Amino acid sequence: MLPDWSPNVHPLIVHFPIALFVVAALVDGVALTLRQRYAWMRASATGLYALAALGAAAAFLTGRDASDHVALPIAAVATLGAHADWALYLVWFASLYAAARLVTLWRVPTPSLRIDGPLAAVGLVSLLLVVQTAERGGELVYRHGVGVAAVP
């Protein structure tokens, strides 16, 4: 089922939640700006954050499985640990944040800058966590060569 070039499913999954978090933050910004005219954008941002949280959980689980099946140089062990830690922080934060967004959407159906502004600002933390996680993941691949095969 996996392509020959892929050592595991993690690299095929991991980029979707990254994109979803970025798009969710962008849609959230637009929703704040146009909240009166396009109230549905608030719900769209919430849905994107929920999908991103699910994607982050899938990426975390596939990454944990991948770490058991790839050749890992000793020098990469600390980086792998940091990558897994940041990914777990992201999963927890994103899950709790998405739940808070869903509850807020349900309990406060009309857009309110007083509520949506701070909520959107808190959502930017997810981007910080994505950057920290991706930084370590990129280091594993590009500095330590984890999960890559030599070109024949």
N, C-alpha and C. Protein backbone atom coordinates (compact mmCIF):
# COMPACT_ATOMS: atom_id res chain seq x y z
N MET A 1 0.81 -1.19 0.00
CA MET A 1 0.00 0.00 0.00
C MET A 1 0.86 1.27 0.00
N LEU A 2 1.99 1.22 0.66
CA LEU A 2 2.91 2.37 0.66
C LEU A 2 3.76 2.37 -0.60
N PRO A 3 4.10 3.56 -1.09
CA PRO A 3 5.02 3.61 -2.24
C PRO A 3 6.38 3.03 -1.84
N ASP A 4 7.11 2.57 -2.82
CA ASP A 4 8.42 1.95 -2.56
C ASP A 4 9.39 2.91 -1.88
N TRP A 5 9.28 4.19 -2.18
CA TRP A 5 10.23 5.16 -1.66
C TRP A 5 9.93 5.59 -0.22
N SER A 6 8.77 5.22 0.31
CA SER A 6 8.40 5.67 1.66
C SER A 6 8.70 4.60 2.69
N PRO A 7 9.52 4.93 3.69
CA PRO A 7 9.85 3.93 4.71
C PRO A 7 8.68 3.63 5.65
N ASN A 8 7.74 4.58 5.77
CA ASN A 8 6.56 4.41 6.62
C ASN A 8 5.54 5.48 6.24
N VAL A 9 4.39 5.46 6.87
CA VAL A 9 3.31 6.35 6.49
C VAL A 9 3.46 7.77 7.09
N HIS A 10 4.30 7.93 8.09
CA HIS A 10 4.44 9.23 8.76
C HIS A 10 4.72 10.40 7.81
N PRO A 11 5.70 10.28 6.89
CA PRO A 11 5.95 11.43 6.01
C PRO A 11 4.79 11.74 5.07
N LEU A 12 3.92 10.79 4.84
CA LEU A 12 2.77 11.02 3.97
C LEU A 12 1.64 11.73 4.70
N ILE A 13 1.62 11.63 6.02
CA ILE A 13 0.54 12.20 6.82
C ILE A 13 0.91 13.55 7.44
N VAL A 14 2.15 13.70 7.82
CA VAL A 14 2.56 14.80 8.69
C VAL A 14 2.33 16.19 8.11
N HIS A 15 2.34 16.32 6.80
CA HIS A 15 2.21 17.66 6.21
C HIS A 15 0.77 18.17 6.18
N PHE A 16 -0.21 17.29 6.26
CA PHE A 16 -1.60 17.73 6.25
C PHE A 16 -1.97 18.56 7.48
N PRO A 17 -1.66 18.10 8.69
CA PRO A 17 -2.00 18.95 9.84
C PRO A 17 -1.23 20.27 9.85
N ILE A 18 -0.02 20.27 9.35
CA ILE A 18 0.74 21.52 9.28
C ILE A 18 -0.04 22.53 8.42
N ALA A 19 -0.45 22.09 7.25
CA ALA A 19 -1.21 22.97 6.35
C ALA A 19 -2.55 23.37 6.98
N LEU A 20 -3.20 22.44 7.65
CA LEU A 20 -4.50 22.74 8.27
C LEU A 20 -4.37 23.80 9.36
N PHE A 21 -3.32 23.72 10.18
CA PHE A 21 -3.12 24.72 11.22
C PHE A 21 -2.90 26.11 10.61
N VAL A 22 -2.11 26.18 9.56
CA VAL A 22 -1.83 27.47 8.91
C VAL A 22 -3.11 28.03 8.29
N VAL A 23 -3.85 27.20 7.57
CA VAL A 23 -5.08 27.66 6.93
C VAL A 23 -6.12 28.04 7.98
N ALA A 24 -6.20 27.28 9.07
CA ALA A 24 -7.15 27.61 10.14
C ALA A 24 -6.86 28.98 10.72
N ALA A 25 -5.58 29.27 10.95
CA ALA A 25 -5.22 30.58 11.50
C ALA A 25 -5.55 31.70 10.51
N LEU A 26 -5.30 31.46 9.23
CA LEU A 26 -5.63 32.46 8.22
C LEU A 26 -7.14 32.69 8.13
N VAL A 27 -7.91 31.63 8.11
CA VAL A 27 -9.37 31.75 8.04
C VAL A 27 -9.88 32.45 9.30
N ASP A 28 -9.26 32.14 10.43
CA ASP A 28 -9.64 32.80 11.68
C ASP A 28 -9.41 34.31 11.59
N GLY A 29 -8.29 34.71 11.01
CA GLY A 29 -8.01 36.13 10.85
C GLY A 29 -9.02 36.81 9.94
N VAL A 30 -9.37 36.15 8.86
CA VAL A 30 -10.38 36.70 7.94
C VAL A 30 -11.74 36.73 8.63
N ALA A 31 -12.05 35.69 9.40
CA ALA A 31 -13.33 35.64 10.12
C ALA A 31 -13.45 36.79 11.12
N LEU A 32 -12.34 37.14 11.76
CA LEU A 32 -12.36 38.28 12.69
C LEU A 32 -12.61 39.59 11.96
N THR A 33 -12.00 39.72 10.81
CA THR A 33 -12.13 40.95 10.04
C THR A 33 -13.53 41.10 9.45
N LEU A 34 -14.08 40.02 8.96
CA LEU A 34 -15.38 40.05 8.27
C LEU A 34 -16.48 39.36 9.08
N ARG A 35 -16.39 39.42 10.39
CA ARG A 35 -17.27 38.64 11.26
C ARG A 35 -18.76 38.92 11.07
N GLN A 36 -19.13 40.15 10.76
CA GLN A 36 -20.55 40.47 10.62
C GLN A 36 -21.10 40.00 9.28
N ARG A 37 -20.32 40.09 8.24
CA ARG A 37 -20.79 39.73 6.91
C ARG A 37 -20.72 38.23 6.65
N TYR A 38 -19.65 37.59 7.12
CA TYR A 38 -19.43 36.16 6.85
C TYR A 38 -19.27 35.39 8.15
N ALA A 39 -20.34 35.27 8.88
CA ALA A 39 -20.30 34.59 10.18
C ALA A 39 -19.92 33.12 10.04
N TRP A 40 -20.20 32.53 8.89
CA TRP A 40 -19.89 31.12 8.67
C TRP A 40 -18.38 30.85 8.68
N MET A 41 -17.56 31.87 8.46
CA MET A 41 -16.11 31.67 8.46
C MET A 41 -15.59 31.29 9.84
N ARG A 42 -16.26 31.77 10.87
CA ARG A 42 -15.90 31.41 12.24
C ARG A 42 -16.05 29.90 12.44
N ALA A 43 -17.16 29.36 11.95
CA ALA A 43 -17.38 27.91 12.04
C ALA A 43 -16.37 27.15 11.18
N SER A 44 -16.00 27.73 10.04
CA SER A 44 -15.01 27.09 9.18
C SER A 44 -13.66 27.00 9.88
N ALA A 45 -13.25 28.08 10.52
CA ALA A 45 -11.98 28.07 11.24
C ALA A 45 -12.01 27.03 12.36
N THR A 46 -13.13 26.94 13.05
CA THR A 46 -13.26 25.95 14.12
C THR A 46 -13.15 24.54 13.56
N GLY A 47 -13.81 24.29 12.44
CA GLY A 47 -13.73 22.98 11.81
C GLY A 47 -12.31 22.65 11.35
N LEU A 48 -11.62 23.64 10.82
CA LEU A 48 -10.24 23.42 10.40
C LEU A 48 -9.33 23.10 11.58
N TYR A 49 -9.54 23.80 12.70
CA TYR A 49 -8.75 23.50 13.90
C TYR A 49 -9.04 22.08 14.40
N ALA A 50 -10.31 21.67 14.33
CA ALA A 50 -10.66 20.31 14.76
C ALA A 50 -10.00 19.27 13.85
N LEU A 51 -10.05 19.49 12.55
CA LEU A 51 -9.39 18.58 11.62
C LEU A 51 -7.88 18.57 11.83
N ALA A 52 -7.31 19.73 12.09
CA ALA A 52 -5.87 19.82 12.34
C ALA A 52 -5.49 19.04 13.60
N ALA A 53 -6.33 19.11 14.63
CA ALA A 53 -6.06 18.35 15.86
C ALA A 53 -6.10 16.85 15.58
N LEU A 54 -7.07 16.41 14.80
CA LEU A 54 -7.13 14.98 14.44
C LEU A 54 -5.92 14.58 13.60
N GLY A 55 -5.54 15.45 12.67
CA GLY A 55 -4.37 15.17 11.85
C GLY A 55 -3.09 15.14 12.67
N ALA A 56 -2.99 16.04 13.65
CA ALA A 56 -1.81 16.04 14.52
C ALA A 56 -1.73 14.75 15.34
N ALA A 57 -2.87 14.28 15.80
CA ALA A 57 -2.89 13.01 16.54
C ALA A 57 -2.46 11.85 15.63
N ALA A 58 -2.96 11.84 14.40
CA ALA A 58 -2.56 10.80 13.45
C ALA A 58 -1.07 10.88 13.14
N ALA A 59 -0.56 12.09 12.96
CA ALA A 59 0.87 12.27 12.69
C ALA A 59 1.71 11.82 13.89
N PHE A 60 1.24 12.14 15.09
CA PHE A 60 1.97 11.72 16.29
C PHE A 60 2.03 10.19 16.38
N LEU A 61 0.88 9.55 16.19
CA LEU A 61 0.84 8.08 16.31
C LEU A 61 1.66 7.40 15.22
N THR A 62 1.59 7.90 14.00
CA THR A 62 2.40 7.29 12.94
C THR A 62 3.88 7.59 13.13
N GLY A 63 4.19 8.74 13.71
CA GLY A 63 5.58 9.07 14.00
C GLY A 63 6.15 8.19 15.09
N ARG A 64 5.33 7.93 16.10
CA ARG A 64 5.77 7.03 17.18
C ARG A 64 6.04 5.63 16.63
N ASP A 65 5.16 5.18 15.74
CA ASP A 65 5.36 3.87 15.11
C ASP A 65 6.60 3.89 14.21
N ALA A 66 6.78 4.98 13.47
CA ALA A 66 7.93 5.08 12.57
C ALA A 66 9.25 5.05 13.32
N SER A 67 9.27 5.64 14.50
CA SER A 67 10.53 5.69 15.26
C SER A 67 11.01 4.29 15.67
N ASP A 68 10.09 3.34 15.70
CA ASP A 68 10.48 1.97 16.03
C ASP A 68 11.02 1.21 14.83
N HIS A 69 10.86 1.76 13.61
CA HIS A 69 11.20 1.00 12.41
C HIS A 69 12.23 1.67 11.50
N VAL A 70 12.82 2.77 11.93
CA VAL A 70 13.84 3.42 11.11
C VAL A 70 15.19 3.32 11.81
N ALA A 71 16.24 3.36 10.99
CA ALA A 71 17.59 3.36 11.55
C ALA A 71 17.83 4.73 12.17
N LEU A 72 18.18 4.74 13.44
CA LEU A 72 18.35 5.99 14.16
C LEU A 72 19.79 6.11 14.67
N PRO A 73 20.54 7.06 14.13
CA PRO A 73 21.90 7.26 14.64
C PRO A 73 21.86 7.73 16.11
N ILE A 74 22.86 7.38 16.86
CA ILE A 74 22.93 7.76 18.27
C ILE A 74 22.81 9.28 18.42
N ALA A 75 23.41 10.02 17.51
CA ALA A 75 23.38 11.49 17.59
C ALA A 75 21.98 12.06 17.43
N ALA A 76 21.04 11.26 16.91
CA ALA A 76 19.68 11.75 16.65
C ALA A 76 18.70 11.41 17.76
N VAL A 77 19.13 10.66 18.75
CA VAL A 77 18.21 10.21 19.80
C VAL A 77 17.60 11.39 20.57
N ALA A 78 18.43 12.34 20.97
CA ALA A 78 17.91 13.50 21.71
C ALA A 78 16.96 14.32 20.85
N THR A 79 17.27 14.47 19.57
CA THR A 79 16.40 15.22 18.67
C THR A 79 15.06 14.50 18.50
N LEU A 80 15.11 13.18 18.39
CA LEU A 80 13.87 12.40 18.27
C LEU A 80 13.01 12.58 19.52
N GLY A 81 13.65 12.55 20.68
CA GLY A 81 12.91 12.75 21.93
C GLY A 81 12.25 14.12 21.98
N ALA A 82 13.00 15.16 21.58
CA ALA A 82 12.45 16.52 21.57
C ALA A 82 11.32 16.63 20.55
N HIS A 83 11.49 16.01 19.39
CA HIS A 83 10.46 16.03 18.35
C HIS A 83 9.17 15.37 18.87
N ALA A 84 9.32 14.24 19.51
CA ALA A 84 8.15 13.54 20.06
C ALA A 84 7.49 14.35 21.17
N ASP A 85 8.29 14.98 22.02
CA ASP A 85 7.73 15.81 23.10
C ASP A 85 6.93 16.98 22.54
N TRP A 86 7.51 17.71 21.58
CA TRP A 86 6.81 18.85 21.00
C TRP A 86 5.54 18.39 20.27
N ALA A 87 5.62 17.25 19.60
CA ALA A 87 4.44 16.72 18.91
C ALA A 87 3.33 16.39 19.90
N LEU A 88 3.70 15.83 21.04
CA LEU A 88 2.70 15.52 22.06
C LEU A 88 2.09 16.78 22.64
N TYR A 89 2.91 17.80 22.88
CA TYR A 89 2.37 19.09 23.35
C TYR A 89 1.36 19.64 22.33
N LEU A 90 1.72 19.53 21.06
CA LEU A 90 0.84 20.02 20.00
C LEU A 90 -0.48 19.26 20.00
N VAL A 91 -0.42 17.94 20.11
CA VAL A 91 -1.65 17.13 20.11
C VAL A 91 -2.55 17.52 21.28
N TRP A 92 -1.97 17.64 22.46
CA TRP A 92 -2.77 18.02 23.63
C TRP A 92 -3.36 19.42 23.48
N PHE A 93 -2.52 20.37 23.11
CA PHE A 93 -3.00 21.74 22.96
C PHE A 93 -4.09 21.81 21.89
N ALA A 94 -3.83 21.23 20.74
CA ALA A 94 -4.77 21.30 19.62
C ALA A 94 -6.09 20.63 19.98
N SER A 95 -6.04 19.53 20.68
CA SER A 95 -7.27 18.83 21.07
C SER A 95 -8.09 19.67 22.04
N LEU A 96 -7.44 20.23 23.05
CA LEU A 96 -8.16 21.06 24.02
C LEU A 96 -8.65 22.35 23.37
N TYR A 97 -7.84 22.93 22.50
CA TYR A 97 -8.23 24.16 21.83
C TYR A 97 -9.42 23.93 20.90
N ALA A 98 -9.37 22.84 20.13
CA ALA A 98 -10.48 22.54 19.23
C ALA A 98 -11.76 22.29 20.03
N ALA A 99 -11.65 21.61 21.15
CA ALA A 99 -12.83 21.38 22.00
C ALA A 99 -13.38 22.71 22.52
N ALA A 100 -12.48 23.60 22.95
CA ALA A 100 -12.93 24.92 23.43
C ALA A 100 -13.59 25.71 22.31
N ARG A 101 -13.04 25.62 21.11
CA ARG A 101 -13.64 26.32 19.97
C ARG A 101 -15.03 25.78 19.66
N LEU A 102 -15.17 24.45 19.69
CA LEU A 102 -16.47 23.85 19.40
C LEU A 102 -17.50 24.24 20.45
N VAL A 103 -17.10 24.23 21.71
CA VAL A 103 -18.02 24.64 22.79
C VAL A 103 -18.40 26.10 22.63
N THR A 104 -17.42 26.94 22.34
CA THR A 104 -17.70 28.37 22.16
C THR A 104 -18.63 28.60 20.98
N LEU A 105 -18.41 27.89 19.89
CA LEU A 105 -19.27 28.02 18.71
C LEU A 105 -20.70 27.62 19.04
N TRP A 106 -20.84 26.59 19.84
CA TRP A 106 -22.16 26.09 20.21
C TRP A 106 -22.86 27.03 21.20
N ARG A 107 -22.09 27.53 22.20
CA ARG A 107 -22.68 28.36 23.26
C ARG A 107 -22.84 29.83 22.87
N VAL A 108 -21.98 30.32 21.99
CA VAL A 108 -22.04 31.72 21.56
C VAL A 108 -22.17 31.72 20.03
N PRO A 109 -23.39 31.52 19.53
CA PRO A 109 -23.56 31.33 18.09
C PRO A 109 -23.29 32.58 17.23
N THR A 110 -23.43 33.76 17.79
CA THR A 110 -23.17 34.97 17.00
C THR A 110 -21.74 35.46 17.23
N PRO A 111 -21.07 35.90 16.19
CA PRO A 111 -19.69 36.36 16.33
C PRO A 111 -19.57 37.52 17.31
N SER A 112 -18.54 37.47 18.14
CA SER A 112 -18.29 38.52 19.11
C SER A 112 -16.78 38.75 19.18
N LEU A 113 -16.37 39.94 18.87
CA LEU A 113 -14.94 40.26 18.89
C LEU A 113 -14.36 40.08 20.29
N ARG A 114 -15.17 40.33 21.29
CA ARG A 114 -14.71 40.19 22.69
C ARG A 114 -14.32 38.75 23.01
N ILE A 115 -15.00 37.80 22.38
CA ILE A 115 -14.70 36.39 22.62
C ILE A 115 -13.79 35.83 21.53
N ASP A 116 -14.12 36.12 20.29
CA ASP A 116 -13.39 35.53 19.16
C ASP A 116 -11.97 36.07 19.03
N GLY A 117 -11.73 37.32 19.41
CA GLY A 117 -10.39 37.89 19.32
C GLY A 117 -9.38 37.16 20.18
N PRO A 118 -9.64 37.07 21.50
CA PRO A 118 -8.70 36.32 22.35
C PRO A 118 -8.60 34.84 21.97
N LEU A 119 -9.72 34.27 21.55
CA LEU A 119 -9.70 32.86 21.16
C LEU A 119 -8.81 32.65 19.93
N ALA A 120 -8.88 33.56 18.98
CA ALA A 120 -8.02 33.47 17.79
C ALA A 120 -6.55 33.67 18.17
N ALA A 121 -6.30 34.58 19.10
CA ALA A 121 -4.91 34.81 19.54
C ALA A 121 -4.33 33.56 20.20
N VAL A 122 -5.14 32.89 21.00
CA VAL A 122 -4.68 31.65 21.64
C VAL A 122 -4.39 30.59 20.58
N GLY A 123 -5.17 30.60 19.50
CA GLY A 123 -4.96 29.64 18.42
C GLY A 123 -3.60 29.76 17.76
N LEU A 124 -3.01 30.95 17.83
CA LEU A 124 -1.68 31.13 17.24
C LEU A 124 -0.61 30.32 17.97
N VAL A 125 -0.91 29.92 19.20
CA VAL A 125 0.03 29.05 19.93
C VAL A 125 0.23 27.75 19.16
N SER A 126 -0.81 27.29 18.49
CA SER A 126 -0.68 26.05 17.72
C SER A 126 0.39 26.19 16.64
N LEU A 127 0.49 27.38 16.03
CA LEU A 127 1.52 27.59 15.02
C LEU A 127 2.93 27.55 15.63
N LEU A 128 3.06 28.10 16.83
CA LEU A 128 4.35 28.02 17.53
C LEU A 128 4.72 26.56 17.79
N LEU A 129 3.76 25.78 18.24
CA LEU A 129 4.02 24.36 18.51
C LEU A 129 4.32 23.59 17.23
N VAL A 130 3.65 23.94 16.14
CA VAL A 130 3.94 23.31 14.85
C VAL A 130 5.37 23.62 14.43
N VAL A 131 5.78 24.87 14.56
CA VAL A 131 7.14 25.26 14.17
C VAL A 131 8.17 24.50 15.00
N GLN A 132 7.96 24.42 16.30
CA GLN A 132 8.92 23.71 17.16
C GLN A 132 9.00 22.22 16.80
N THR A 133 7.85 21.62 16.55
CA THR A 133 7.82 20.20 16.19
C THR A 133 8.47 19.99 14.84
N ALA A 134 8.12 20.82 13.86
CA ALA A 134 8.66 20.67 12.51
C ALA A 134 10.17 20.93 12.47
N GLU A 135 10.63 21.86 13.29
CA GLU A 135 12.07 22.14 13.36
C GLU A 135 12.84 20.87 13.72
N ARG A 136 12.36 20.16 14.72
CA ARG A 136 13.04 18.93 15.14
C ARG A 136 12.86 17.81 14.12
N GLY A 137 11.68 17.74 13.50
CA GLY A 137 11.45 16.73 12.46
C GLY A 137 12.35 16.96 11.26
N GLY A 138 12.48 18.22 10.86
CA GLY A 138 13.38 18.54 9.76
C GLY A 138 14.82 18.22 10.09
N GLU A 139 15.20 18.47 11.33
CA GLU A 139 16.57 18.14 11.76
C GLU A 139 16.82 16.64 11.68
N LEU A 140 15.82 15.86 12.07
CA LEU A 140 15.98 14.40 11.98
C LEU A 140 16.23 13.95 10.55
N VAL A 141 15.49 14.54 9.62
CA VAL A 141 15.61 14.13 8.22
C VAL A 141 16.86 14.73 7.57
N TYR A 142 17.04 16.05 7.70
CA TYR A 142 18.07 16.72 6.91
C TYR A 142 19.46 16.74 7.57
N ARG A 143 19.51 16.66 8.87
CA ARG A 143 20.83 16.62 9.53
C ARG A 143 21.26 15.19 9.80
N HIS A 144 20.32 14.37 10.24
CA HIS A 144 20.69 13.01 10.65
C HIS A 144 20.32 11.95 9.62
N GLY A 145 19.58 12.32 8.59
CA GLY A 145 19.23 11.36 7.53
C GLY A 145 18.27 10.28 7.96
N VAL A 146 17.47 10.54 8.96
CA VAL A 146 16.53 9.53 9.45
C VAL A 146 15.39 9.37 8.44
N GLY A 147 15.13 8.14 8.05
CA GLY A 147 14.02 7.85 7.16
C GLY A 147 14.30 8.11 5.70
N VAL A 148 15.54 8.38 5.34
CA VAL A 148 15.85 8.60 3.92
C VAL A 148 16.79 7.50 3.45
N ALA A 149 16.63 7.16 2.21
CA ALA A 149 17.48 6.15 1.59
C ALA A 149 18.44 6.84 0.62
N ALA A 150 19.61 6.29 0.48
CA ALA A 150 20.58 6.84 -0.47
C ALA A 150 20.09 6.60 -1.89
N VAL A 151 20.31 7.57 -2.74
CA VAL A 151 19.95 7.42 -4.14
C VAL A 151 20.98 6.50 -4.80
N PRO A 152 20.51 5.45 -5.52
CA PRO A 152 21.48 4.52 -6.13
C PRO A 152 22.26 5.16 -7.26
